[in-house]
mmCIF file of all heavy atoms, coordinates in Angstrom:
data_MODEL
# 
_entry.id   MODEL 
# 
loop_
_atom_site.group_PDB 
_atom_site.id 
_atom_site.type_symbol 
_atom_site.label_atom_id 
_atom_site.label_alt_id 
_atom_site.label_comp_id 
_atom_site.label_asym_id 
_atom_site.label_entity_id 
_atom_site.label_seq_id 
_atom_site.pdbx_PDB_ins_code 
_atom_site.Cartn_x 
_atom_site.Cartn_y 
_atom_site.Cartn_z 
_atom_site.occupancy 
_atom_site.B_iso_or_equiv 
_atom_site.pdbx_formal_charge 
_atom_site.auth_seq_id 
_atom_site.auth_comp_id 
_atom_site.auth_asym_id 
_atom_site.auth_atom_id 
_atom_site.pdbx_PDB_model_num 
ATOM 1   N N   . VAL A 1 1  ? -18.519 -5.939 3.343  1.00 0.00 ? 1  VAL A N   1 
ATOM 2   C CA  . VAL A 1 1  ? -17.742 -5.014 4.042  1.00 0.00 ? 1  VAL A CA  1 
ATOM 3   C C   . VAL A 1 1  ? -16.188 -5.526 4.338  1.00 0.00 ? 1  VAL A C   1 
ATOM 4   O O   . VAL A 1 1  ? -15.298 -4.783 4.071  1.00 0.00 ? 1  VAL A O   1 
ATOM 5   C CB  . VAL A 1 1  ? -18.526 -4.667 5.252  1.00 0.00 ? 1  VAL A CB  1 
ATOM 6   C CG1 . VAL A 1 1  ? -17.641 -3.879 6.333  1.00 0.00 ? 1  VAL A CG1 1 
ATOM 7   C CG2 . VAL A 1 1  ? -19.876 -4.206 5.190  1.00 0.00 ? 1  VAL A CG2 1 
ATOM 8   N N   . THR A 1 2  ? -16.149 -6.703 4.568  1.00 0.00 ? 2  THR A N   1 
ATOM 9   C CA  . THR A 1 2  ? -14.925 -7.365 4.889  1.00 0.00 ? 2  THR A CA  1 
ATOM 10  C C   . THR A 1 2  ? -14.019 -7.243 3.644  1.00 0.00 ? 2  THR A C   1 
ATOM 11  O O   . THR A 1 2  ? -12.804 -7.086 3.711  1.00 0.00 ? 2  THR A O   1 
ATOM 12  C CB  . THR A 1 2  ? -15.009 -8.808 5.237  1.00 0.00 ? 2  THR A CB  1 
ATOM 13  O OG1 . THR A 1 2  ? -15.825 -8.969 6.466  1.00 0.00 ? 2  THR A OG1 1 
ATOM 14  C CG2 . THR A 1 2  ? -13.638 -9.428 5.653  1.00 0.00 ? 2  THR A CG2 1 
ATOM 15  N N   . SER A 1 3  ? -14.613 -7.546 2.390  1.00 0.00 ? 3  SER A N   1 
ATOM 16  C CA  . SER A 1 3  ? -13.904 -7.642 1.159  1.00 0.00 ? 3  SER A CA  1 
ATOM 17  C C   . SER A 1 3  ? -13.350 -6.146 0.877  1.00 0.00 ? 3  SER A C   1 
ATOM 18  O O   . SER A 1 3  ? -12.307 -6.049 0.512  1.00 0.00 ? 3  SER A O   1 
ATOM 19  C CB  . SER A 1 3  ? -14.797 -8.042 0.173  1.00 0.00 ? 3  SER A CB  1 
ATOM 20  O OG  . SER A 1 3  ? -14.080 -7.949 -1.169 1.00 0.00 ? 3  SER A OG  1 
ATOM 21  N N   . ILE A 1 4  ? -14.122 -5.072 1.081  1.00 0.00 ? 4  ILE A N   1 
ATOM 22  C CA  . ILE A 1 4  ? -13.809 -3.769 0.862  1.00 0.00 ? 4  ILE A CA  1 
ATOM 23  C C   . ILE A 1 4  ? -12.661 -3.346 1.773  1.00 0.00 ? 4  ILE A C   1 
ATOM 24  O O   . ILE A 1 4  ? -11.766 -2.691 1.414  1.00 0.00 ? 4  ILE A O   1 
ATOM 25  C CB  . ILE A 1 4  ? -15.026 -2.840 1.102  1.00 0.00 ? 4  ILE A CB  1 
ATOM 26  C CG1 . ILE A 1 4  ? -16.050 -3.081 0.047  1.00 0.00 ? 4  ILE A CG1 1 
ATOM 27  C CG2 . ILE A 1 4  ? -14.639 -1.379 1.026  1.00 0.00 ? 4  ILE A CG2 1 
ATOM 28  C CD1 . ILE A 1 4  ? -17.355 -2.241 0.027  1.00 0.00 ? 4  ILE A CD1 1 
ATOM 29  N N   . GLN A 1 5  ? -12.782 -3.734 3.156  1.00 0.00 ? 5  GLN A N   1 
ATOM 30  C CA  . GLN A 1 5  ? -11.736 -3.401 4.043  1.00 0.00 ? 5  GLN A CA  1 
ATOM 31  C C   . GLN A 1 5  ? -10.434 -3.995 3.651  1.00 0.00 ? 5  GLN A C   1 
ATOM 32  O O   . GLN A 1 5  ? -9.315  -3.496 3.809  1.00 0.00 ? 5  GLN A O   1 
ATOM 33  C CB  . GLN A 1 5  ? -12.143 -3.873 5.388  1.00 0.00 ? 5  GLN A CB  1 
ATOM 34  C CG  . GLN A 1 5  ? -13.225 -3.088 6.191  1.00 0.00 ? 5  GLN A CG  1 
ATOM 35  C CD  . GLN A 1 5  ? -13.649 -3.620 7.400  1.00 0.00 ? 5  GLN A CD  1 
ATOM 36  O OE1 . GLN A 1 5  ? -13.481 -4.736 7.734  1.00 0.00 ? 5  GLN A OE1 1 
ATOM 37  N NE2 . GLN A 1 5  ? -14.365 -2.693 8.125  1.00 0.00 ? 5  GLN A NE2 1 
ATOM 38  N N   . SER A 1 6  ? -10.497 -5.360 3.193  1.00 0.00 ? 6  SER A N   1 
ATOM 39  C CA  . SER A 1 6  ? -9.393  -5.995 2.788  1.00 0.00 ? 6  SER A CA  1 
ATOM 40  C C   . SER A 1 6  ? -8.633  -5.352 1.582  1.00 0.00 ? 6  SER A C   1 
ATOM 41  O O   . SER A 1 6  ? -7.501  -5.201 1.496  1.00 0.00 ? 6  SER A O   1 
ATOM 42  C CB  . SER A 1 6  ? -9.715  -7.506 2.328  1.00 0.00 ? 6  SER A CB  1 
ATOM 43  O OG  . SER A 1 6  ? -8.513  -8.119 2.035  1.00 0.00 ? 6  SER A OG  1 
ATOM 44  N N   . GLN A 1 7  ? -9.445  -4.913 0.621  1.00 0.00 ? 7  GLN A N   1 
ATOM 45  C CA  . GLN A 1 7  ? -8.949  -4.256 -0.607 1.00 0.00 ? 7  GLN A CA  1 
ATOM 46  C C   . GLN A 1 7  ? -8.405  -2.989 -0.299 1.00 0.00 ? 7  GLN A C   1 
ATOM 47  O O   . GLN A 1 7  ? -7.339  -2.598 -0.754 1.00 0.00 ? 7  GLN A O   1 
ATOM 48  C CB  . GLN A 1 7  ? -10.125 -4.074 -1.533 1.00 0.00 ? 7  GLN A CB  1 
ATOM 49  C CG  . GLN A 1 7  ? -9.635  -3.453 -2.947 1.00 0.00 ? 7  GLN A CG  1 
ATOM 50  C CD  . GLN A 1 7  ? -10.807 -3.378 -3.988 1.00 0.00 ? 7  GLN A CD  1 
ATOM 51  O OE1 . GLN A 1 7  ? -12.063 -3.656 -3.659 1.00 0.00 ? 7  GLN A OE1 1 
ATOM 52  N NE2 . GLN A 1 7  ? -10.429 -3.051 -5.147 1.00 0.00 ? 7  GLN A NE2 1 
ATOM 53  N N   . THR A 1 8  ? -9.031  -2.214 0.798  1.00 0.00 ? 8  THR A N   1 
ATOM 54  C CA  . THR A 1 8  ? -8.418  -0.858 1.251  1.00 0.00 ? 8  THR A CA  1 
ATOM 55  C C   . THR A 1 8  ? -7.039  -1.031 1.850  1.00 0.00 ? 8  THR A C   1 
ATOM 56  O O   . THR A 1 8  ? -6.269  -0.337 1.595  1.00 0.00 ? 8  THR A O   1 
ATOM 57  C CB  . THR A 1 8  ? -9.398  -0.226 2.042  1.00 0.00 ? 8  THR A CB  1 
ATOM 58  O OG1 . THR A 1 8  ? -10.663 -0.014 1.443  1.00 0.00 ? 8  THR A OG1 1 
ATOM 59  C CG2 . THR A 1 8  ? -8.872  1.099  2.528  1.00 0.00 ? 8  THR A CG2 1 
ATOM 60  N N   . LEU A 1 9  ? -7.014  -2.168 2.723  1.00 0.00 ? 9  LEU A N   1 
ATOM 61  C CA  . LEU A 1 9  ? -5.709  -2.493 3.382  1.00 0.00 ? 9  LEU A CA  1 
ATOM 62  C C   . LEU A 1 9  ? -4.694  -2.774 2.297  1.00 0.00 ? 9  LEU A C   1 
ATOM 63  O O   . LEU A 1 9  ? -3.585  -2.354 2.497  1.00 0.00 ? 9  LEU A O   1 
ATOM 64  C CB  . LEU A 1 9  ? -5.938  -3.623 4.331  1.00 0.00 ? 9  LEU A CB  1 
ATOM 65  C CG  . LEU A 1 9  ? -4.629  -4.097 5.109  1.00 0.00 ? 9  LEU A CG  1 
ATOM 66  C CD1 . LEU A 1 9  ? -4.104  -2.900 5.864  1.00 0.00 ? 9  LEU A CD1 1 
ATOM 67  C CD2 . LEU A 1 9  ? -5.065  -5.247 6.006  1.00 0.00 ? 9  LEU A CD2 1 
ATOM 68  N N   . SER A 1 10 ? -5.042  -3.593 1.314  1.00 0.00 ? 10 SER A N   1 
ATOM 69  C CA  . SER A 1 10 ? -4.171  -4.008 0.219  1.00 0.00 ? 10 SER A CA  1 
ATOM 70  C C   . SER A 1 10 ? -3.572  -2.706 -0.382 1.00 0.00 ? 10 SER A C   1 
ATOM 71  O O   . SER A 1 10 ? -2.433  -2.618 -0.779 1.00 0.00 ? 10 SER A O   1 
ATOM 72  C CB  . SER A 1 10 ? -4.774  -4.890 -0.765 1.00 0.00 ? 10 SER A CB  1 
ATOM 73  O OG  . SER A 1 10 ? -3.988  -5.309 -1.754 1.00 0.00 ? 10 SER A OG  1 
ATOM 74  N N   . GLN A 1 11 ? -4.457  -1.785 -0.886 1.00 0.00 ? 11 GLN A N   1 
ATOM 75  C CA  . GLN A 1 11 ? -4.040  -0.708 -1.476 1.00 0.00 ? 11 GLN A CA  1 
ATOM 76  C C   . GLN A 1 11 ? -3.132  0.293  -0.673 1.00 0.00 ? 11 GLN A C   1 
ATOM 77  O O   . GLN A 1 11 ? -2.162  0.822  -1.147 1.00 0.00 ? 11 GLN A O   1 
ATOM 78  C CB  . GLN A 1 11 ? -5.226  0.071  -1.908 1.00 0.00 ? 11 GLN A CB  1 
ATOM 79  C CG  . GLN A 1 11 ? -5.974  -0.471 -3.097 1.00 0.00 ? 11 GLN A CG  1 
ATOM 80  C CD  . GLN A 1 11 ? -5.079  -0.655 -4.375 1.00 0.00 ? 11 GLN A CD  1 
ATOM 81  O OE1 . GLN A 1 11 ? -4.446  0.299  -4.612 1.00 0.00 ? 11 GLN A OE1 1 
ATOM 82  N NE2 . GLN A 1 11 ? -5.255  -1.941 -5.015 1.00 0.00 ? 11 GLN A NE2 1 
ATOM 83  N N   . THR A 1 12 ? -3.368  0.209  0.758  1.00 0.00 ? 12 THR A N   1 
ATOM 84  C CA  . THR A 1 12 ? -2.628  0.954  1.677  1.00 0.00 ? 12 THR A CA  1 
ATOM 85  C C   . THR A 1 12 ? -1.133  0.342  1.677  1.00 0.00 ? 12 THR A C   1 
ATOM 86  O O   . THR A 1 12 ? -0.224  1.200  1.698  1.00 0.00 ? 12 THR A O   1 
ATOM 87  C CB  . THR A 1 12 ? -3.251  0.976  2.994  1.00 0.00 ? 12 THR A CB  1 
ATOM 88  O OG1 . THR A 1 12 ? -4.510  1.556  2.973  1.00 0.00 ? 12 THR A OG1 1 
ATOM 89  C CG2 . THR A 1 12 ? -2.434  1.751  4.032  1.00 0.00 ? 12 THR A CG2 1 
ATOM 90  N N   . ASP A 1 13 ? -1.171  -0.940 1.712  1.00 0.00 ? 13 ASP A N   1 
ATOM 91  C CA  . ASP A 1 13 ? 0.175   -1.593 1.776  1.00 0.00 ? 13 ASP A CA  1 
ATOM 92  C C   . ASP A 1 13 ? 0.921   -1.357 0.384  1.00 0.00 ? 13 ASP A C   1 
ATOM 93  O O   . ASP A 1 13 ? 2.108   -1.100 0.483  1.00 0.00 ? 13 ASP A O   1 
ATOM 94  C CB  . ASP A 1 13 ? -0.040  -3.115 1.922  1.00 0.00 ? 13 ASP A CB  1 
ATOM 95  C CG  . ASP A 1 13 ? -0.569  -3.432 3.246  1.00 0.00 ? 13 ASP A CG  1 
ATOM 96  O OD1 . ASP A 1 13 ? -0.390  -2.600 4.200  1.00 0.00 ? 13 ASP A OD1 1 
ATOM 97  O OD2 . ASP A 1 13 ? -1.127  -4.659 3.413  1.00 0.00 ? 13 ASP A OD2 1 
ATOM 98  N N   . VAL A 1 14 ? 0.325   -1.423 -0.624 1.00 0.00 ? 14 VAL A N   1 
ATOM 99  C CA  . VAL A 1 14 ? 1.072   -1.147 -1.917 1.00 0.00 ? 14 VAL A CA  1 
ATOM 100 C C   . VAL A 1 14 ? 1.410   0.244  -2.023 1.00 0.00 ? 14 VAL A C   1 
ATOM 101 O O   . VAL A 1 14 ? 2.625   0.429  -2.326 1.00 0.00 ? 14 VAL A O   1 
ATOM 102 C CB  . VAL A 1 14 ? 0.080   -1.270 -3.115 1.00 0.00 ? 14 VAL A CB  1 
ATOM 103 C CG1 . VAL A 1 14 ? 0.523   -0.733 -4.390 1.00 0.00 ? 14 VAL A CG1 1 
ATOM 104 C CG2 . VAL A 1 14 ? -0.375  -2.791 -3.168 1.00 0.00 ? 14 VAL A CG2 1 
ATOM 105 N N   . SER A 1 15 ? 0.788   1.262  -1.459 1.00 0.00 ? 15 SER A N   1 
ATOM 106 C CA  . SER A 1 15 ? 1.116   2.584  -1.531 1.00 0.00 ? 15 SER A CA  1 
ATOM 107 C C   . SER A 1 15 ? 2.390   2.824  -0.647 1.00 0.00 ? 15 SER A C   1 
ATOM 108 O O   . SER A 1 15 ? 3.348   3.566  -0.872 1.00 0.00 ? 15 SER A O   1 
ATOM 109 C CB  . SER A 1 15 ? 0.012   3.501  -0.976 1.00 0.00 ? 15 SER A CB  1 
ATOM 110 O OG  . SER A 1 15 ? -1.144  3.483  -1.890 1.00 0.00 ? 15 SER A OG  1 
ATOM 111 N N   . LYS A 1 16 ? 2.381   2.165  0.476  1.00 0.00 ? 16 LYS A N   1 
ATOM 112 C CA  . LYS A 1 16 ? 3.509   2.164  1.463  1.00 0.00 ? 16 LYS A CA  1 
ATOM 113 C C   . LYS A 1 16 ? 4.767   1.599  0.843  1.00 0.00 ? 16 LYS A C   1 
ATOM 114 O O   . LYS A 1 16 ? 5.886   2.210  0.979  1.00 0.00 ? 16 LYS A O   1 
ATOM 115 C CB  . LYS A 1 16 ? 3.155   1.380  2.674  1.00 0.00 ? 16 LYS A CB  1 
ATOM 116 C CG  . LYS A 1 16 ? 4.190   1.476  3.789  1.00 0.00 ? 16 LYS A CG  1 
ATOM 117 C CD  . LYS A 1 16 ? 3.859   0.640  5.125  1.00 0.00 ? 16 LYS A CD  1 
ATOM 118 C CE  . LYS A 1 16 ? 4.932   0.759  6.202  1.00 0.00 ? 16 LYS A CE  1 
ATOM 119 N NZ  . LYS A 1 16 ? 4.660   0.078  7.361  1.00 0.00 ? 16 LYS A NZ  1 
ATOM 120 N N   . VAL A 1 17 ? 4.604   0.417  0.074  1.00 0.00 ? 17 VAL A N   1 
ATOM 121 C CA  . VAL A 1 17 ? 5.815   -0.185 -0.541 1.00 0.00 ? 17 VAL A CA  1 
ATOM 122 C C   . VAL A 1 17 ? 6.420   0.694  -1.566 1.00 0.00 ? 17 VAL A C   1 
ATOM 123 O O   . VAL A 1 17 ? 7.499   0.944  -1.738 1.00 0.00 ? 17 VAL A O   1 
ATOM 124 C CB  . VAL A 1 17 ? 5.468   -1.570 -1.068 1.00 0.00 ? 17 VAL A CB  1 
ATOM 125 C CG1 . VAL A 1 17 ? 6.646   -2.103 -1.995 1.00 0.00 ? 17 VAL A CG1 1 
ATOM 126 C CG2 . VAL A 1 17 ? 5.017   -2.570 0.024  1.00 0.00 ? 17 VAL A CG2 1 
ATOM 127 N N   . LEU A 1 18 ? 5.384   1.316  -2.409 1.00 0.00 ? 18 LEU A N   1 
ATOM 128 C CA  . LEU A 1 18 ? 5.848   2.133  -3.538 1.00 0.00 ? 18 LEU A CA  1 
ATOM 129 C C   . LEU A 1 18 ? 6.539   3.391  -3.033 1.00 0.00 ? 18 LEU A C   1 
ATOM 130 O O   . LEU A 1 18 ? 7.576   3.926  -3.405 1.00 0.00 ? 18 LEU A O   1 
ATOM 131 C CB  . LEU A 1 18 ? 4.628   2.533  -4.242 1.00 0.00 ? 18 LEU A CB  1 
ATOM 132 C CG  . LEU A 1 18 ? 4.769   3.374  -5.648 1.00 0.00 ? 18 LEU A CG  1 
ATOM 133 C CD1 . LEU A 1 18 ? 5.484   2.495  -6.545 1.00 0.00 ? 18 LEU A CD1 1 
ATOM 134 C CD2 . LEU A 1 18 ? 3.449   3.768  -6.195 1.00 0.00 ? 18 LEU A CD2 1 
ATOM 135 N N   . ARG A 1 19 ? 5.903   3.995  -1.872 1.00 0.00 ? 19 ARG A N   1 
ATOM 136 C CA  . ARG A 1 19 ? 6.593   5.107  -1.293 1.00 0.00 ? 19 ARG A CA  1 
ATOM 137 C C   . ARG A 1 19 ? 8.005   4.997  -0.762 1.00 0.00 ? 19 ARG A C   1 
ATOM 138 O O   . ARG A 1 19 ? 8.947   5.646  -0.946 1.00 0.00 ? 19 ARG A O   1 
ATOM 139 C CB  . ARG A 1 19 ? 5.639   5.763  -0.171 1.00 0.00 ? 19 ARG A CB  1 
ATOM 140 C CG  . ARG A 1 19 ? 6.155   7.047  0.433  1.00 0.00 ? 19 ARG A CG  1 
ATOM 141 C CD  . ARG A 1 19 ? 5.152   7.598  1.553  1.00 0.00 ? 19 ARG A CD  1 
ATOM 142 N NE  . ARG A 1 19 ? 4.943   6.740  2.574  1.00 0.00 ? 19 ARG A NE  1 
ATOM 143 C CZ  . ARG A 1 19 ? 3.897   5.948  2.747  1.00 0.00 ? 19 ARG A CZ  1 
ATOM 144 N NH1 . ARG A 1 19 ? 2.862   6.038  1.824  1.00 0.00 ? 19 ARG A NH1 1 
ATOM 145 N NH2 . ARG A 1 19 ? 3.735   5.184  3.775  1.00 0.00 ? 19 ARG A NH2 1 
ATOM 146 N N   . ASN A 1 20 ? 8.139   3.817  0.007  1.00 0.00 ? 20 ASN A N   1 
ATOM 147 C CA  . ASN A 1 20 ? 9.274   3.420  0.561  1.00 0.00 ? 20 ASN A CA  1 
ATOM 148 C C   . ASN A 1 20 ? 10.472  3.108  -0.392 1.00 0.00 ? 20 ASN A C   1 
ATOM 149 O O   . ASN A 1 20 ? 11.601  3.416  -0.359 1.00 0.00 ? 20 ASN A O   1 
ATOM 150 C CB  . ASN A 1 20 ? 9.120   2.278  1.601  1.00 0.00 ? 20 ASN A CB  1 
ATOM 151 C CG  . ASN A 1 20 ? 8.476   2.579  2.874  1.00 0.00 ? 20 ASN A CG  1 
ATOM 152 O OD1 . ASN A 1 20 ? 8.412   3.815  3.322  1.00 0.00 ? 20 ASN A OD1 1 
ATOM 153 N ND2 . ASN A 1 20 ? 7.905   1.642  3.449  1.00 0.00 ? 20 ASN A ND2 1 
ATOM 154 N N   . THR A 1 21 ? 9.890   2.491  -1.467 1.00 0.00 ? 21 THR A N   1 
ATOM 155 C CA  . THR A 1 21 ? 10.805  2.059  -2.586 1.00 0.00 ? 21 THR A CA  1 
ATOM 156 C C   . THR A 1 21 ? 11.482  3.307  -3.170 1.00 0.00 ? 21 THR A C   1 
ATOM 157 O O   . THR A 1 21 ? 12.674  3.395  -3.421 1.00 0.00 ? 21 THR A O   1 
ATOM 158 C CB  . THR A 1 21 ? 10.108  1.215  -3.605 1.00 0.00 ? 21 THR A CB  1 
ATOM 159 O OG1 . THR A 1 21 ? 9.697   0.109  -3.087 1.00 0.00 ? 21 THR A OG1 1 
ATOM 160 C CG2 . THR A 1 21 ? 11.007  0.997  -4.911 1.00 0.00 ? 21 THR A CG2 1 
ATOM 161 N N   . TYR A 1 22 ? 10.658  4.339  -3.626 1.00 0.00 ? 22 TYR A N   1 
ATOM 162 C CA  . TYR A 1 22 ? 11.137  5.495  -4.300 1.00 0.00 ? 22 TYR A CA  1 
ATOM 163 C C   . TYR A 1 22 ? 12.121  6.343  -3.328 1.00 0.00 ? 22 TYR A C   1 
ATOM 164 O O   . TYR A 1 22 ? 12.989  6.887  -3.675 1.00 0.00 ? 22 TYR A O   1 
ATOM 165 C CB  . TYR A 1 22 ? 9.915   6.302  -4.775 1.00 0.00 ? 22 TYR A CB  1 
ATOM 166 C CG  . TYR A 1 22 ? 9.385   5.789  -6.110 1.00 0.00 ? 22 TYR A CG  1 
ATOM 167 C CD1 . TYR A 1 22 ? 8.142   5.533  -6.291 1.00 0.00 ? 22 TYR A CD1 1 
ATOM 168 C CD2 . TYR A 1 22 ? 10.355  5.435  -7.236 1.00 0.00 ? 22 TYR A CD2 1 
ATOM 169 C CE1 . TYR A 1 22 ? 7.479   4.974  -7.405 1.00 0.00 ? 22 TYR A CE1 1 
ATOM 170 C CE2 . TYR A 1 22 ? 9.876   4.794  -8.324 1.00 0.00 ? 22 TYR A CE2 1 
ATOM 171 C CZ  . TYR A 1 22 ? 8.492   4.620  -8.480 1.00 0.00 ? 22 TYR A CZ  1 
ATOM 172 O OH  . TYR A 1 22 ? 8.011   4.087  -9.625 1.00 0.00 ? 22 TYR A OH  1 
ATOM 173 N N   . MET A 1 23 ? 11.632  6.354  -2.074 1.00 0.00 ? 23 MET A N   1 
ATOM 174 C CA  . MET A 1 23 ? 12.375  7.109  -1.067 1.00 0.00 ? 23 MET A CA  1 
ATOM 175 C C   . MET A 1 23 ? 13.785  6.493  -1.042 1.00 0.00 ? 23 MET A C   1 
ATOM 176 O O   . MET A 1 23 ? 14.775  7.116  -0.958 1.00 0.00 ? 23 MET A O   1 
ATOM 177 C CB  . MET A 1 23 ? 11.713  7.063  0.285  1.00 0.00 ? 23 MET A CB  1 
ATOM 178 C CG  . MET A 1 23 ? 12.383  7.978  1.315  1.00 0.00 ? 23 MET A CG  1 
ATOM 179 S SD  . MET A 1 23 ? 11.482  7.869  3.015  1.00 0.00 ? 23 MET A SD  1 
ATOM 180 C CE  . MET A 1 23 ? 9.907   8.642  2.549  1.00 0.00 ? 23 MET A CE  1 
ATOM 181 N N   . LEU A 1 24 ? 13.845  5.176  -0.761 1.00 0.00 ? 24 LEU A N   1 
ATOM 182 C CA  . LEU A 1 24 ? 15.192  4.491  -0.665 1.00 0.00 ? 24 LEU A CA  1 
ATOM 183 C C   . LEU A 1 24 ? 15.973  4.593  -1.944 1.00 0.00 ? 24 LEU A C   1 
ATOM 184 O O   . LEU A 1 24 ? 17.199  4.669  -1.924 1.00 0.00 ? 24 LEU A O   1 
ATOM 185 C CB  . LEU A 1 24 ? 14.918  3.041  -0.216 1.00 0.00 ? 24 LEU A CB  1 
ATOM 186 C CG  . LEU A 1 24 ? 16.099  2.233  0.037  1.00 0.00 ? 24 LEU A CG  1 
ATOM 187 C CD1 . LEU A 1 24 ? 17.070  2.870  1.118  1.00 0.00 ? 24 LEU A CD1 1 
ATOM 188 C CD2 . LEU A 1 24 ? 15.744  0.669  0.406  1.00 0.00 ? 24 LEU A CD2 1 
ATOM 189 N N   . LEU A 1 25 ? 15.289  4.536  -3.193 1.00 0.00 ? 25 LEU A N   1 
ATOM 190 C CA  . LEU A 1 25 ? 15.931  4.561  -4.416 1.00 0.00 ? 25 LEU A CA  1 
ATOM 191 C C   . LEU A 1 25 ? 16.612  5.956  -4.522 1.00 0.00 ? 25 LEU A C   1 
ATOM 192 O O   . LEU A 1 25 ? 17.814  6.089  -5.026 1.00 0.00 ? 25 LEU A O   1 
ATOM 193 C CB  . LEU A 1 25 ? 14.877  4.338  -5.449 1.00 0.00 ? 25 LEU A CB  1 
ATOM 194 C CG  . LEU A 1 25 ? 15.523  4.404  -6.917 1.00 0.00 ? 25 LEU A CG  1 
ATOM 195 C CD1 . LEU A 1 25 ? 16.470  3.369  -7.127 1.00 0.00 ? 25 LEU A CD1 1 
ATOM 196 C CD2 . LEU A 1 25 ? 14.238  4.263  -7.877 1.00 0.00 ? 25 LEU A CD2 1 
ATOM 197 N N   . GLY A 1 26 ? 15.968  6.987  -4.071 1.00 0.00 ? 26 GLY A N   1 
ATOM 198 C CA  . GLY A 1 26 ? 16.583  8.359  -4.174 1.00 0.00 ? 26 GLY A CA  1 
ATOM 199 C C   . GLY A 1 26 ? 17.798  8.459  -3.266 1.00 0.00 ? 26 GLY A C   1 
ATOM 200 O O   . GLY A 1 26 ? 18.856  9.023  -3.668 1.00 0.00 ? 26 GLY A O   1 
# 
């Protein structure tokens, strides 16, 4: 359960970085 939560948080962080990057790039 802890591993799944950690992975989900990681994917959430990655999505946030990706979204912010493309927004700032634009």
